[in-house]
Amino acid sequence: MLQTKEKTSYSGFDELVAIDKAMPRYNSFIAETIARSLGSSKKPVDFGAGIGTLADCFHAKTGLKPTCVEVDETCRGILISKGYETLQDISGVDNFDFVFSSNVLEHIEDDQEILKCIFDRLEKNGQIVLYLPAFQKLFSDLDASVGHYRRYDKRMLVDKLTSAGFRVEEVFYADCVGFFISLFFRYFGYSADKGLASPSRLETYDKFIFPFSKALDSLGLKHFFGKNICVRAKKISE
């Protein structure tokens, strides 16, 4: 089910729980990628924090506990129980200088509106880091089943950020091996009944396949393709 302003429940909740438990290396990698861009920022925001998986990893690596923005009521309850300052909407957050978001923007119908809202509220010289599913040509039944509106090509993402007012500083792909798995789903279909996203298979991917994929990315493949795309952009002071 797609999320809308009226229907805020997240259809991929079970996937969030599975990834939280079964993919510590994957989660740690995303947090490390985000933390590298932190600089001197002291007021981070996790936009679309889910059940706090990334916020937990980020906190462990940086010592900073981000303010969490999450629209889903069940997820907000979990975040609050973990001790995070939690808000339903980014418009309620004041004075933040760093915002990160992982696999969230694709769930929002009007992503351009959200980027502009973040830009308007972000402090000058503040940064945004996004980690998103890459390549619209990979859009499959799996994307549809977890409520994705789209996947992101590099030019599309840069254009959206630039239109919102940001200056893009860095953009690269991640998980080159995952690209081919997503391509398989695109052409041969995906069914939850096949158990392709079962905890045991997620654990196998996290333990064996993802480290290999990350190593290939570091050899330069991240500049060409991957299952995901990461971008860092800045709000330049006038």
C-alpha atoms as a PDB file:
ATOM      1  CA  MET A   1       0.000   0.000   0.000  1.00  0.00           C
ATOM      2  CA  LEU A   2       1.301   3.435  -0.931  1.00  0.00           C
ATOM      3  CA  GLN A   3       1.620   6.010   1.824  1.00  0.00           C
ATOM      4  CA  THR A   4      -0.279   9.271   1.365  1.00  0.00           C
ATOM      5  CA  LYS A   5      -1.001  12.300   3.551  1.00  0.00           C
ATOM      6  CA  GLU A   6      -4.241  10.608   4.560  1.00  0.00           C
ATOM      7  CA  LYS A   7      -2.909   7.034   4.901  1.00  0.00           C
ATOM      8  CA  THR A   8       0.289   7.203   6.923  1.00  0.00           C
ATOM      9  CA  SER A   9       0.666   3.551   7.926  1.00  0.00           C
ATOM     10  CA  TYR A  10       3.726   1.931   6.386  1.00  0.00           C
ATOM     11  CA  SER A  11       3.042  -1.282   4.467  1.00  0.00           C
ATOM     12  CA  GLY A  12       6.671  -2.409   4.771  1.00  0.00           C
ATOM     13  CA  PHE A  13       6.760  -2.547   8.580  1.00  0.00           C
ATOM     14  CA  ASP A  14       7.621  -6.260   8.652  1.00  0.00           C
ATOM     15  CA  GLU A  15      10.505  -5.573   6.254  1.00  0.00           C
ATOM     16  CA  LEU A  16      11.834  -2.883   8.634  1.00  0.00           C
ATOM     17  CA  VAL A  17      11.868  -5.347  11.508  1.00  0.00           C
ATOM     18  CA  ALA A  18      13.516  -8.062   9.402  1.00  0.00           C
ATOM     19  CA  ILE A  19      16.271  -5.751   8.135  1.00  0.00           C
ATOM     20  CA  ASP A  20      16.874  -4.414  11.641  1.00  0.00           C
ATOM     21  CA  LYS A  21      17.519  -7.912  12.982  1.00  0.00           C
ATOM     22  CA  ALA A  22      19.105  -9.676  10.018  1.00  0.00           C
ATOM     23  CA  MET A  23      21.313  -7.062   8.321  1.00  0.00           C
ATOM     24  CA  PRO A  24      23.696  -5.401  10.813  1.00  0.00           C
ATOM     25  CA  ARG A  25      26.490  -4.973   8.232  1.00  0.00           C
ATOM     26  CA  TYR A  26      24.171  -3.283   5.754  1.00  0.00           C
ATOM     27  CA  ASN A  27      22.781  -0.954   8.419  1.00  0.00           C
ATOM     28  CA  SER A  28      26.248  -0.154   9.739  1.00  0.00           C
ATOM     29  CA  PHE A  29      27.476   0.684   6.237  1.00  0.00           C
ATOM     30  CA  ILE A  30      24.677   3.199   5.667  1.00  0.00           C
ATOM     31  CA  ALA A  31      25.317   4.806   9.059  1.00  0.00           C
ATOM     32  CA  GLU A  32      29.060   5.007   8.358  1.00  0.00           C
ATOM     33  CA  THR A  33      28.398   6.577   4.963  1.00  0.00           C
ATOM     34  CA  ILE A  34      26.182   9.211   6.564  1.00  0.00           C
ATOM     35  CA  ALA A  35      28.493   9.833   9.524  1.00  0.00           C
ATOM     36  CA  ARG A  36      31.431  10.612   7.211  1.00  0.00           C
ATOM     37  CA  SER A  37      29.579  13.733   6.081  1.00  0.00           C
ATOM     38  CA  LEU A  38      28.671  14.925   9.579  1.00  0.00           C
ATOM     39  CA  GLY A  39      31.549  17.383   9.988  1.00  0.00           C
ATOM     40  CA  SER A  40      30.975  19.752  12.905  1.00  0.00           C
ATOM     41  CA  SER A  41      27.192  19.377  12.856  1.00  0.00           C
ATOM     42  CA  LYS A  42      25.625  18.893  16.270  1.00  0.00           C
ATOM     43  CA  LYS A  43      21.895  18.921  15.526  1.00  0.00           C
ATOM     44  CA  PRO A  44      21.108  15.942  13.263  1.00  0.00           C
ATOM     45  CA  VAL A  45      17.674  14.823  12.105  1.00  0.00           C
ATOM     46  CA  ASP A  46      16.743  11.340  10.880  1.00  0.00           C
ATOM     47  CA  PHE A  47      13.929  11.902   8.377  1.00  0.00           C
ATOM     48  CA  GLY A  48      11.710   8.851   8.061  1.00  0.00           C
ATOM     49  CA  ALA A  49      13.357   7.107  11.003  1.00  0.00           C
ATOM     50  CA  GLY A  50      11.197   3.987  10.912  1.00  0.00           C
ATOM     51  CA  ILE A  51      11.790   1.887  14.035  1.00  0.00           C
ATOM     52  CA  GLY A  52      15.130   3.585  14.747  1.00  0.00           C
ATOM     53  CA  THR A  53      17.521   1.139  13.081  1.00  0.00           C
ATOM     54  CA  LEU A  54      19.635   3.806  11.425  1.00  0.00           C
ATOM     55  CA  ALA A  55      19.249   6.264  14.312  1.00  0.00           C
ATOM     56  CA  ASP A  56      20.656   3.592  16.644  1.00  0.00           C
ATOM     57  CA  CYS A  57      23.645   2.941  14.366  1.00  0.00           C
ATOM     58  CA  PHE A  58      24.258   6.663  13.876  1.00  0.00           C
ATOM     59  CA  HIS A  59      24.122   7.283  17.621  1.00  0.00           C
ATOM     60  CA  ALA A  60      26.574   4.453  18.293  1.00  0.00           C
ATOM     61  CA  LYS A  61      29.059   5.811  15.746  1.00  0.00           C
ATOM     62  CA  THR A  62      28.826   9.542  16.479  1.00  0.00           C
ATOM     63  CA  GLY A  63      27.558   9.858  20.043  1.00  0.00           C
ATOM     64  CA  LEU A  64      24.784  12.115  18.741  1.00  0.00           C
ATOM     65  CA  LYS A  65      21.154  11.152  19.203  1.00  0.00           C
ATOM     66  CA  PRO A  66      19.202  12.478  16.216  1.00  0.00           C
ATOM     67  CA  THR A  67      15.761  14.004  16.346  1.00  0.00           C
ATOM     68  CA  CYS A  68      13.535  11.496  14.565  1.00  0.00           C
ATOM     69  CA  VAL A  69      10.795  12.397  12.094  1.00  0.00           C
ATOM     70  CA  GLU A  70       8.374   9.567  11.379  1.00  0.00           C
ATOM     71  CA  VAL A  71       4.833   9.653  10.010  1.00  0.00           C
ATOM     72  CA  ASP A  72       3.806   6.103  10.968  1.00  0.00           C
ATOM     73  CA  GLU A  73       2.168   5.979  14.402  1.00  0.00           C
ATOM     74  CA  THR A  74       3.428   2.501  15.309  1.00  0.00           C
ATOM     75  CA  CYS A  75       6.991   3.406  14.409  1.00  0.00           C
ATOM     76  CA  ARG A  76       6.764   6.654  16.388  1.00  0.00           C
ATOM     77  CA  GLY A  77       5.771   4.683  19.453  1.00  0.00           C
ATOM     78  CA  ILE A  78       8.869   2.497  19.101  1.00  0.00           C
ATOM     79  CA  LEU A  79      11.118   5.529  18.618  1.00  0.00           C
ATOM     80  CA  ILE A  80       9.695   7.218  21.704  1.00  0.00           C
ATOM     81  CA  SER A  81      10.219   4.038  23.731  1.00  0.00           C
ATOM     82  CA  LYS A  82      13.886   4.158  22.689  1.00  0.00           C
ATOM     83  CA  GLY A  83      14.193   7.688  24.038  1.00  0.00           C
ATOM     84  CA  TYR A  84      14.329   9.646  20.796  1.00  0.00           C
ATOM     85  CA  GLU A  85      12.776  13.066  20.422  1.00  0.00           C
ATOM     86  CA  THR A  86      10.177  12.175  17.829  1.00  0.00           C
ATOM     87  CA  LEU A  87       7.980  14.304  15.596  1.00  0.00           C
ATOM     88  CA  GLN A  88       5.446  13.450  12.926  1.00  0.00           C
ATOM     89  CA  ASP A  89       6.416  16.169  10.451  1.00  0.00           C
ATOM     90  CA  ILE A  90       9.667  17.891   9.451  1.00  0.00           C
ATOM     91  CA  SER A  91       7.910  21.259   9.731  1.00  0.00           C
ATOM     92  CA  GLY A  92       7.895  20.768  13.499  1.00  0.00           C
ATOM     93  CA  VAL A  93      11.688  20.569  13.753  1.00  0.00           C
ATOM     94  CA  ASP A  94      13.606  23.789  14.405  1.00  0.00           C
ATOM     95  CA  ASN A  95      17.299  24.678  14.193  1.00  0.00           C
ATOM     96  CA  PHE A  96      18.814  21.561  12.652  1.00  0.00           C
ATOM     97  CA  ASP A  97      22.034  21.605  10.634  1.00  0.00           C
ATOM     98  CA  PHE A  98      22.226  18.034   9.313  1.00  0.00           C
ATOM     99  CA  VAL A  99      19.508  15.760   7.984  1.00  0.00           C
ATOM    100  CA  PHE A 100      19.822  12.217   6.728  1.00  0.00           C
ATOM    101  CA  SER A 101      17.336   9.789   5.286  1.00  0.00           C
ATOM    102  CA  SER A 102      17.641   6.186   4.136  1.00  0.00           C
ATOM    103  CA  ASN A 103      15.163   4.518   1.781  1.00  0.00           C
ATOM    104  CA  VAL A 104      12.360   6.962   2.566  1.00  0.00           C
ATOM    105  CA  LEU A 105      11.940   9.533  -0.210  1.00  0.00           C
ATOM    106  CA  GLU A 106      10.755   6.869  -2.660  1.00  0.00           C
ATOM    107  CA  HIS A 107       7.690   6.321  -0.418  1.00  0.00           C
ATOM    108  CA  ILE A 108       6.574   9.961  -0.729  1.00  0.00           C
ATOM    109  CA  GLU A 109       4.362  10.917  -3.645  1.00  0.00           C
ATOM    110  CA  ASP A 110       5.472  14.574  -3.772  1.00  0.00           C
ATOM    111  CA  ASP A 111       9.155  14.178  -2.946  1.00  0.00           C
ATOM    112  CA  GLN A 112       9.935  17.598  -4.430  1.00  0.00           C
ATOM    113  CA  GLU A 113       7.699  19.296  -1.867  1.00  0.00           C
ATOM    114  CA  ILE A 114       9.457  17.482   0.977  1.00  0.00           C
ATOM    115  CA  LEU A 115      12.923  18.428  -0.295  1.00  0.00           C
ATOM    116  CA  LYS A 116      11.881  22.072  -0.480  1.00  0.00           C
ATOM    117  CA  CYS A 117      10.442  21.900   3.047  1.00  0.00           C
ATOM    118  CA  ILE A 118      13.699  20.422   4.363  1.00  0.00           C
ATOM    119  CA  PHE A 119      15.715  23.089   2.532  1.00  0.00           C
ATOM    120  CA  ASP A 120      13.624  25.905   3.985  1.00  0.00           C
ATOM    121  CA  ARG A 121      14.034  24.664   7.570  1.00  0.00           C
ATOM    122  CA  LEU A 122      17.671  23.576   7.374  1.00  0.00           C
ATOM    123  CA  GLU A 123      20.217  26.032   8.746  1.00  0.00           C
ATOM    124  CA  LYS A 124      22.487  27.776   6.209  1.00  0.00           C
ATOM    125  CA  ASN A 125      25.494  25.637   5.316  1.00  0.00           C
ATOM    126  CA  GLY A 126      23.591  22.625   6.644  1.00  0.00           C
ATOM    127  CA  GLN A 127      23.784  19.304   4.804  1.00  0.00           C
ATOM    128  CA  ILE A 128      21.414  16.611   3.613  1.00  0.00           C
ATOM    129  CA  VAL A 129      22.468  13.002   2.929  1.00  0.00           C
ATOM    130  CA  LEU A 130      20.087  10.658   1.132  1.00  0.00           C
ATOM    131  CA  TYR A 131      20.393   6.909   0.550  1.00  0.00           C
ATOM    132  CA  LEU A 132      17.809   5.705  -1.972  1.00  0.00           C
ATOM    133  CA  PRO A 133      16.956   2.866  -4.374  1.00  0.00           C
ATOM    134  CA  ALA A 134      18.629   3.468  -7.721  1.00  0.00           C
ATOM    135  CA  PHE A 135      17.551   3.200 -11.374  1.00  0.00           C
ATOM    136  CA  GLN A 136      13.905   3.405 -12.338  1.00  0.00           C
ATOM    137  CA  LYS A 137      14.532   0.606 -14.852  1.00  0.00           C
ATOM    138  CA  LEU A 138      14.931  -1.711 -11.846  1.00  0.00           C
ATOM    139  CA  PHE A 139      11.431  -0.926 -10.536  1.00  0.00           C
ATOM    140  CA  SER A 140       9.771  -4.270  -9.821  1.00  0.00           C
ATOM    141  CA  ASP A 141       6.972  -6.021  -7.963  1.00  0.00           C
ATOM    142  CA  LEU A 142       9.193  -5.841  -4.879  1.00  0.00           C
ATOM    143  CA  ASP A 143       9.176  -2.023  -5.046  1.00  0.00           C
ATOM    144  CA  ALA A 144       5.418  -1.995  -5.475  1.00  0.00           C
ATOM    145  CA  SER A 145       4.896  -4.405  -2.573  1.00  0.00           C
ATOM    146  CA  VAL A 146       6.649  -2.078  -0.092  1.00  0.00           C
ATOM    147  CA  GLY A 147       4.986   1.104  -1.370  1.00  0.00           C
ATOM    148  CA  HIS A 148       7.602   2.704  -3.602  1.00  0.00           C
ATOM    149  CA  TYR A 149       6.491   5.444  -5.987  1.00  0.00           C
ATOM    150  CA  ARG A 150       9.812   5.414  -7.853  1.00  0.00           C
ATOM    151  CA  ARG A 151      13.510   4.602  -7.897  1.00  0.00           C
ATOM    152  CA  TYR A 152      16.107   7.318  -8.554  1.00  0.00           C
ATOM    153  CA  ASP A 153      18.432   7.911 -11.478  1.00  0.00           C
ATOM    154  CA  LYS A 154      21.393  10.187 -10.837  1.00  0.00           C
ATOM    155  CA  ARG A 155      20.220  13.033 -13.079  1.00  0.00           C
ATOM    156  CA  MET A 156      16.696  12.921 -11.642  1.00  0.00           C
ATOM    157  CA  LEU A 157      17.987  13.108  -8.077  1.00  0.00           C
ATOM    158  CA  VAL A 158      20.449  15.920  -8.770  1.00  0.00           C
ATOM    159  CA  ASP A 159      17.740  17.904 -10.576  1.00  0.00           C
ATOM    160  CA  LYS A 160      15.290  17.505  -7.682  1.00  0.00           C
ATOM    161  CA  LEU A 161      17.834  18.654  -5.103  1.00  0.00           C
ATOM    162  CA  THR A 162      18.983  21.557  -7.248  1.00  0.00           C
ATOM    163  CA  SER A 163      15.394  22.642  -7.837  1.00  0.00           C
ATOM    164  CA  ALA A 164      14.847  22.639  -4.063  1.00  0.00           C
ATOM    165  CA  GLY A 165      17.822  25.003  -3.660  1.00  0.00           C
ATOM    166  CA  PHE A 166      20.613  22.608  -2.669  1.00  0.00           C
ATOM    167  CA  ARG A 167      24.100  22.372  -4.142  1.00  0.00           C
ATOM    168  CA  VAL A 168      25.009  18.734  -4.738  1.00  0.00           C
ATOM    169  CA  GLU A 169      28.459  17.951  -3.335  1.00  0.00           C
ATOM    170  CA  GLU A 170      28.761  14.208  -3.962  1.00  0.00           C
ATOM    171  CA  VAL A 171      26.775  11.405  -5.542  1.00  0.00           C
ATOM    172  CA  PHE A 172      27.627   7.733  -5.989  1.00  0.00           C
ATOM    173  CA  TYR A 173      26.035   4.287  -6.215  1.00  0.00           C
ATOM    174  CA  ALA A 174      26.200   1.470  -3.659  1.00  0.00           C
ATOM    175  CA  ASP A 175      25.816  -2.321  -3.698  1.00  0.00           C
ATOM    176  CA  CYS A 176      26.780  -3.231  -7.246  1.00  0.00           C
ATOM    177  CA  VAL A 177      25.972  -6.923  -6.722  1.00  0.00           C
ATOM    178  CA  GLY A 178      22.525  -5.960  -5.461  1.00  0.00           C
ATOM    179  CA  PHE A 179      21.950  -4.235  -8.801  1.00  0.00           C
ATOM    180  CA  PHE A 180      21.834  -7.627 -10.532  1.00  0.00           C
ATOM    181  CA  ILE A 181      19.545  -9.109  -7.884  1.00  0.00           C
ATOM    182  CA  SER A 182      17.154  -6.188  -8.399  1.00  0.00           C
ATOM    183  CA  LEU A 183      17.430  -6.729 -12.147  1.00  0.00           C
ATOM    184  CA  PHE A 184      16.379 -10.343 -11.612  1.00  0.00           C
ATOM    185  CA  PHE A 185      13.287  -9.218  -9.695  1.00  0.00           C
ATOM    186  CA  ARG A 186      12.513  -6.723 -12.466  1.00  0.00           C
ATOM    187  CA  TYR A 187      12.411  -9.323 -15.215  1.00  0.00           C
ATOM    188  CA  PHE A 188      11.394 -12.504 -13.398  1.00  0.00           C
ATOM    189  CA  GLY A 189       9.069 -11.072 -10.777  1.00  0.00           C
ATOM    190  CA  TYR A 190       8.962 -11.066  -6.996  1.00  0.00           C
ATOM    191  CA  SER A 191       6.657 -12.902  -4.647  1.00  0.00           C
ATOM    192  CA  ALA A 192       6.779 -12.812  -0.858  1.00  0.00           C
ATOM    193  CA  ASP A 193       5.563 -16.413  -0.923  1.00  0.00           C
ATOM    194  CA  LYS A 194       8.929 -17.506  -2.349  1.00  0.00           C
ATOM    195  CA  GLY A 195      10.684 -16.464   0.834  1.00  0.00           C
ATOM    196  CA  LEU A 196      13.219 -14.344  -1.009  1.00  0.00           C
ATOM    197  CA  ALA A 197      13.208 -11.791   1.796  1.00  0.00           C
ATOM    198  CA  SER A 198      13.111 -14.302   4.642  1.00  0.00           C
ATOM    199  CA  PRO A 199      15.331 -13.564   7.676  1.00  0.00           C
ATOM    200  CA  SER A 200      17.692 -16.428   6.797  1.00  0.00           C
ATOM    201  CA  ARG A 201      18.222 -15.147   3.263  1.00  0.00           C
ATOM    202  CA  LEU A 202      18.653 -11.575   4.469  1.00  0.00           C
ATOM    203  CA  GLU A 203      21.267 -12.843   6.939  1.00  0.00           C
ATOM    204  CA  THR A 204      23.080 -14.707   4.163  1.00  0.00           C
ATOM    205  CA  TYR A 205      23.080 -11.612   1.973  1.00  0.00           C
ATOM    206  CA  ASP A 206      24.336  -9.459   4.839  1.00  0.00           C
ATOM    207  CA  LYS A 207      27.081 -11.866   5.897  1.00  0.00           C
ATOM    208  CA  PHE A 208      28.460 -12.992   2.553  1.00  0.00           C
ATOM    209  CA  ILE A 209      27.136 -11.074  -0.465  1.00  0.00           C
ATOM    210  CA  PHE A 210      27.020  -7.494   0.809  1.00  0.00           C
ATOM    211  CA  PRO A 211      30.667  -7.422   2.038  1.00  0.00           C
ATOM    212  CA  PHE A 212      31.772  -8.677  -1.389  1.00  0.00           C
ATOM    213  CA  SER A 213      29.580  -6.072  -3.081  1.00  0.00           C
ATOM    214  CA  LYS A 214      31.002  -3.321  -0.854  1.00  0.00           C
ATOM    215  CA  ALA A 215      34.543  -4.376  -1.768  1.00  0.00           C
ATOM    216  CA  LEU A 216      33.716  -4.153  -5.484  1.00  0.00           C
ATOM    217  CA  ASP A 217      32.146  -0.727  -4.926  1.00  0.00           C
ATOM    218  CA  SER A 218      35.399   0.471  -3.346  1.00  0.00           C
ATOM    219  CA  LEU A 219      37.322  -0.590  -6.458  1.00  0.00           C
ATOM    220  CA  GLY A 220      35.388   1.998  -8.455  1.00  0.00           C
ATOM    221  CA  LEU A 221      32.140   0.338  -9.487  1.00  0.00           C
ATOM    222  CA  LYS A 222      30.227   2.767  -7.246  1.00  0.00           C
ATOM    223  CA  HIS A 223      30.780   5.408  -9.902  1.00  0.00           C
ATOM    224  CA  PHE A 224      28.836   3.403 -12.487  1.00  0.00           C
ATOM    225  CA  PHE A 225      25.961   1.411 -10.978  1.00  0.00           C
ATOM    226  CA  GLY A 226      24.479  -0.099  -7.841  1.00  0.00           C
ATOM    227  CA  LYS A 227      21.219  -1.116  -6.202  1.00  0.00           C
ATOM    228  CA  ASN A 228      21.222   2.156  -4.283  1.00  0.00           C
ATOM    229  CA  ILE A 229      22.343   5.728  -4.783  1.00  0.00           C
ATOM    230  CA  CYS A 230      23.778   8.056  -2.135  1.00  0.00           C
ATOM    231  CA  VAL A 231      23.893  11.828  -2.443  1.00  0.00           C
ATOM    232  CA  ARG A 232      25.219  14.606  -0.218  1.00  0.00           C
ATOM    233  CA  ALA A 233      24.062  18.165  -0.785  1.00  0.00           C
ATOM    234  CA  LYS A 234      24.433  21.482   1.016  1.00  0.00           C
ATOM    235  CA  LYS A 235      22.375  24.592   1.673  1.00  0.00           C
ATOM    236  CA  ILE A 236      24.805  27.335   0.737  1.00  0.00           C
ATOM    237  CA  SER A 237      24.563  30.580   2.698  1.00  0.00           C
ATOM    238  CA  GLU A 238      23.652  33.621   0.636  1.00  0.00           C
END
